[in-house]
Each structure stands twice: as structure tokens, then as C-alpha cells.
Amino acid sequence: MSGMSLAASSEDFKTFKARALVENSPATEAGLRVGDIITAIGGKSTSNVTLEQIRRMFRQEGRRYSLSVKRNESLLPIKIKTRRLI
């Protein structure tokens, strides 16, 4: 529903990085890029959630999420609305 594939990395698997994006999906339309790191969802740090919890969130159609995304040394606010891709 988001058009984004995430991978968990770091020692504690709490760094969530965009590893692949689908063209013309909510993720690319929102401005996400491969390599972006999601640091917060809805103002809450991603350090308290698992990769599976994030995947479940992004599988729900019609949901809006405000993300904080780290790209290089910048923190960017990104809004995404999930939808069916097929």
C-alpha cells in the first residue's frame, strides 16, 4: 500500500531504511528515496517499534502518516497516504 520496501539494520535492528521503491506509489509521490531512514512516525520515534509493526501500518489502505526521514545529514518531514497499487 505504500510502495516501499524497508530493511531493519544496526545492532538493535531499529534503523529502518528504504531499500526499494515502486514508481508512482505513495512513497515516491511523497518524495521518499532509496536509502532514506525513517526516524519517526506520527511524531513517535521508531526506536520503540519493530519492522513488522511498521510493515503492518503501511499495509492499511487509506491511512495517512507523517514521517520524519533522515536523508544524509538532513531531517525531512514527509507525509504519505497509503493506497492500493494494483
N, C-alpha and C. Protein backbone atom coordinates (compact mmCIF):
# COMPACT_ATOMS: atom_id res chain seq x y z
N MET A 1 0.81 -1.21 0.00
CA MET A 1 0.00 0.00 0.00
C MET A 1 0.86 1.27 0.00
N SER A 2 2.11 1.15 0.42
CA SER A 2 2.98 2.33 0.45
C SER A 2 3.91 2.39 -0.75
N GLY A 3 4.22 1.22 -1.33
CA GLY A 3 5.16 1.19 -2.44
C GLY A 3 6.60 1.25 -1.99
N MET A 4 6.83 0.88 -0.73
CA MET A 4 8.15 0.99 -0.15
C MET A 4 8.52 -0.33 0.52
N SER A 5 9.74 -0.76 0.28
CA SER A 5 10.27 -1.94 0.97
C SER A 5 11.31 -1.43 1.97
N LEU A 6 11.13 -1.83 3.24
CA LEU A 6 12.03 -1.38 4.30
C LEU A 6 12.93 -2.52 4.76
N ALA A 7 14.09 -2.15 5.26
CA ALA A 7 15.01 -3.11 5.88
C ALA A 7 15.41 -2.55 7.23
N ALA A 8 15.53 -3.44 8.22
CA ALA A 8 15.99 -3.04 9.55
C ALA A 8 17.49 -3.32 9.62
N SER A 9 18.22 -2.34 10.12
CA SER A 9 19.67 -2.52 10.25
C SER A 9 20.14 -1.98 11.58
N SER A 10 21.38 -1.97 11.80
CA SER A 10 22.08 -1.59 13.02
C SER A 10 22.08 -2.77 13.99
N GLU A 11 22.80 -2.62 15.06
CA GLU A 11 22.93 -3.71 16.02
C GLU A 11 21.60 -4.13 16.64
N ASP A 12 20.72 -3.16 16.87
CA ASP A 12 19.44 -3.47 17.53
C ASP A 12 18.27 -3.58 16.54
N PHE A 13 18.57 -3.51 15.25
CA PHE A 13 17.54 -3.58 14.20
C PHE A 13 16.47 -2.51 14.38
N LYS A 14 16.88 -1.32 14.79
CA LYS A 14 15.95 -0.22 14.99
C LYS A 14 16.19 0.93 14.02
N THR A 15 16.99 0.69 13.00
CA THR A 15 17.19 1.67 11.94
C THR A 15 16.44 1.15 10.73
N PHE A 16 15.43 1.90 10.28
CA PHE A 16 14.54 1.43 9.21
C PHE A 16 14.81 2.22 7.94
N LYS A 17 15.42 1.55 6.97
CA LYS A 17 15.89 2.18 5.75
C LYS A 17 15.07 1.72 4.55
N ALA A 18 14.72 2.68 3.69
CA ALA A 18 14.02 2.35 2.44
C ALA A 18 15.01 1.66 1.52
N ARG A 19 14.73 0.40 1.18
CA ARG A 19 15.67 -0.32 0.32
C ARG A 19 15.20 -0.42 -1.12
N ALA A 20 13.89 -0.27 -1.36
CA ALA A 20 13.36 -0.29 -2.72
C ALA A 20 12.04 0.48 -2.74
N LEU A 21 11.76 1.13 -3.88
CA LEU A 21 10.53 1.90 -4.03
C LEU A 21 9.87 1.54 -5.35
N VAL A 22 8.55 1.54 -5.37
CA VAL A 22 7.78 1.30 -6.58
C VAL A 22 7.47 2.66 -7.21
N GLU A 23 7.71 2.77 -8.51
CA GLU A 23 7.40 4.02 -9.21
C GLU A 23 5.92 4.34 -9.11
N ASN A 24 5.59 5.63 -9.06
CA ASN A 24 4.21 6.11 -9.00
C ASN A 24 3.43 5.52 -7.82
N SER A 25 4.11 5.34 -6.71
CA SER A 25 3.47 4.82 -5.50
C SER A 25 3.37 5.94 -4.47
N PRO A 26 2.63 5.73 -3.39
CA PRO A 26 2.56 6.76 -2.35
C PRO A 26 3.95 7.17 -1.84
N ALA A 27 4.87 6.22 -1.74
CA ALA A 27 6.21 6.54 -1.24
C ALA A 27 6.96 7.48 -2.17
N THR A 28 6.96 7.18 -3.47
CA THR A 28 7.69 8.05 -4.40
C THR A 28 6.98 9.39 -4.57
N GLU A 29 5.64 9.37 -4.57
CA GLU A 29 4.88 10.62 -4.67
C GLU A 29 5.13 11.52 -3.47
N ALA A 30 5.40 10.92 -2.31
CA ALA A 30 5.69 11.70 -1.10
C ALA A 30 7.12 12.23 -1.09
N GLY A 31 7.96 11.70 -1.98
CA GLY A 31 9.34 12.19 -2.07
C GLY A 31 10.37 11.30 -1.42
N LEU A 32 9.97 10.11 -0.98
CA LEU A 32 10.96 9.20 -0.39
C LEU A 32 11.94 8.72 -1.43
N ARG A 33 13.16 8.42 -0.98
CA ARG A 33 14.21 7.91 -1.85
C ARG A 33 14.84 6.68 -1.22
N VAL A 34 15.39 5.81 -2.07
CA VAL A 34 16.11 4.65 -1.56
C VAL A 34 17.25 5.16 -0.67
N GLY A 35 17.40 4.55 0.48
CA GLY A 35 18.44 4.95 1.43
C GLY A 35 17.94 5.86 2.54
N ASP A 36 16.74 6.44 2.37
CA ASP A 36 16.17 7.28 3.42
C ASP A 36 15.92 6.43 4.67
N ILE A 37 16.12 7.03 5.83
CA ILE A 37 15.91 6.34 7.10
C ILE A 37 14.71 6.97 7.80
N ILE A 38 13.73 6.14 8.14
CA ILE A 38 12.54 6.63 8.85
C ILE A 38 12.88 6.66 10.34
N THR A 39 12.87 7.86 10.92
CA THR A 39 13.24 8.02 12.32
C THR A 39 12.03 8.18 13.23
N ALA A 40 10.88 8.60 12.67
CA ALA A 40 9.67 8.76 13.48
C ALA A 40 8.44 8.63 12.59
N ILE A 41 7.37 8.14 13.18
CA ILE A 41 6.08 8.02 12.50
C ILE A 41 5.04 8.64 13.42
N GLY A 42 4.34 9.64 12.92
CA GLY A 42 3.34 10.31 13.74
C GLY A 42 3.94 10.98 14.96
N GLY A 43 5.17 11.45 14.84
CA GLY A 43 5.84 12.12 15.95
C GLY A 43 6.45 11.19 16.98
N LYS A 44 6.31 9.89 16.79
CA LYS A 44 6.85 8.92 17.74
C LYS A 44 8.07 8.23 17.14
N SER A 45 9.12 8.16 17.90
CA SER A 45 10.37 7.55 17.44
C SER A 45 10.16 6.10 17.01
N THR A 46 10.84 5.71 15.97
CA THR A 46 10.76 4.33 15.51
C THR A 46 11.61 3.39 16.37
N SER A 47 12.30 3.93 17.36
CA SER A 47 13.12 3.08 18.23
C SER A 47 12.27 2.17 19.12
N ASN A 48 10.96 2.47 19.18
CA ASN A 48 10.07 1.67 20.04
C ASN A 48 9.17 0.72 19.27
N VAL A 49 9.42 0.55 17.97
CA VAL A 49 8.60 -0.35 17.16
C VAL A 49 9.48 -1.34 16.42
N THR A 50 8.85 -2.38 15.91
CA THR A 50 9.58 -3.38 15.13
C THR A 50 9.32 -3.15 13.65
N LEU A 51 10.14 -3.76 12.82
CA LEU A 51 9.94 -3.69 11.38
C LEU A 51 8.57 -4.25 11.01
N GLU A 52 8.18 -5.34 11.63
CA GLU A 52 6.88 -5.94 11.32
C GLU A 52 5.73 -5.00 11.68
N GLN A 53 5.84 -4.27 12.79
CA GLN A 53 4.79 -3.31 13.16
C GLN A 53 4.67 -2.21 12.11
N ILE A 54 5.81 -1.72 11.63
CA ILE A 54 5.79 -0.68 10.59
C ILE A 54 5.18 -1.24 9.31
N ARG A 55 5.57 -2.44 8.94
CA ARG A 55 5.01 -3.05 7.73
C ARG A 55 3.49 -3.19 7.83
N ARG A 56 2.99 -3.60 9.00
CA ARG A 56 1.54 -3.72 9.19
C ARG A 56 0.86 -2.37 9.05
N MET A 57 1.47 -1.33 9.59
CA MET A 57 0.90 0.01 9.48
C MET A 57 0.76 0.42 8.01
N PHE A 58 1.81 0.20 7.24
CA PHE A 58 1.83 0.63 5.85
C PHE A 58 1.01 -0.27 4.92
N ARG A 59 0.47 -1.37 5.44
CA ARG A 59 -0.38 -2.25 4.64
C ARG A 59 -1.85 -1.87 4.72
N GLN A 60 -2.17 -0.85 5.50
CA GLN A 60 -3.56 -0.44 5.67
C GLN A 60 -3.90 0.65 4.65
N GLU A 61 -4.93 0.38 3.87
CA GLU A 61 -5.32 1.31 2.81
C GLU A 61 -5.94 2.58 3.38
N GLY A 62 -5.62 3.71 2.76
CA GLY A 62 -6.25 4.98 3.10
C GLY A 62 -5.74 5.63 4.38
N ARG A 63 -4.64 5.15 4.91
CA ARG A 63 -4.08 5.74 6.13
C ARG A 63 -3.08 6.84 5.77
N ARG A 64 -3.05 7.87 6.59
CA ARG A 64 -2.10 8.98 6.41
C ARG A 64 -1.08 8.92 7.53
N TYR A 65 0.18 9.09 7.16
CA TYR A 65 1.26 9.08 8.15
C TYR A 65 2.19 10.26 7.92
N SER A 66 2.58 10.88 9.02
CA SER A 66 3.61 11.91 8.99
C SER A 66 4.90 11.24 9.42
N LEU A 67 5.89 11.29 8.55
CA LEU A 67 7.16 10.64 8.81
C LEU A 67 8.25 11.68 9.02
N SER A 68 9.22 11.35 9.85
CA SER A 68 10.47 12.10 9.92
C SER A 68 11.49 11.20 9.25
N VAL A 69 12.15 11.74 8.26
CA VAL A 69 13.07 10.95 7.45
C VAL A 69 14.44 11.59 7.46
N LYS A 70 15.45 10.77 7.73
CA LYS A 70 16.82 11.25 7.69
C LYS A 70 17.40 10.92 6.31
N ARG A 71 17.86 11.96 5.62
CA ARG A 71 18.49 11.80 4.32
C ARG A 71 19.83 12.53 4.41
N ASN A 72 20.88 11.77 4.29
CA ASN A 72 22.23 12.31 4.51
C ASN A 72 22.26 12.90 5.93
N GLU A 73 22.49 14.19 6.06
CA GLU A 73 22.53 14.80 7.38
C GLU A 73 21.28 15.63 7.68
N SER A 74 20.28 15.56 6.81
CA SER A 74 19.06 16.36 6.98
C SER A 74 17.91 15.52 7.50
N LEU A 75 17.05 16.14 8.32
CA LEU A 75 15.80 15.52 8.74
C LEU A 75 14.67 16.19 7.97
N LEU A 76 13.88 15.37 7.28
CA LEU A 76 12.82 15.89 6.43
C LEU A 76 11.46 15.43 6.91
N PRO A 77 10.47 16.33 6.90
CA PRO A 77 9.09 15.90 7.20
C PRO A 77 8.45 15.40 5.90
N ILE A 78 7.88 14.21 5.93
CA ILE A 78 7.24 13.65 4.74
C ILE A 78 5.87 13.10 5.14
N LYS A 79 4.87 13.39 4.32
CA LYS A 79 3.52 12.88 4.55
C LYS A 79 3.21 11.87 3.46
N ILE A 80 2.65 10.73 3.89
CA ILE A 80 2.33 9.66 2.96
C ILE A 80 0.91 9.18 3.22
N LYS A 81 0.18 8.87 2.16
CA LYS A 81 -1.16 8.29 2.29
C LYS A 81 -1.15 6.97 1.52
N THR A 82 -1.43 5.89 2.23
CA THR A 82 -1.39 4.57 1.62
C THR A 82 -2.61 4.35 0.72
N ARG A 83 -2.38 3.56 -0.33
CA ARG A 83 -3.46 3.20 -1.25
C ARG A 83 -3.08 1.91 -1.98
N ARG A 84 -4.08 1.30 -2.58
CA ARG A 84 -3.82 0.09 -3.36
C ARG A 84 -2.97 0.45 -4.58
N LEU A 85 -2.02 -0.42 -4.89
CA LEU A 85 -1.14 -0.17 -6.02
C LEU A 85 -1.60 -0.90 -7.28
N ILE A 86 -2.50 -1.86 -7.12
CA ILE A 86 -2.96 -2.63 -8.29
C ILE A 86 -4.42 -2.32 -8.54
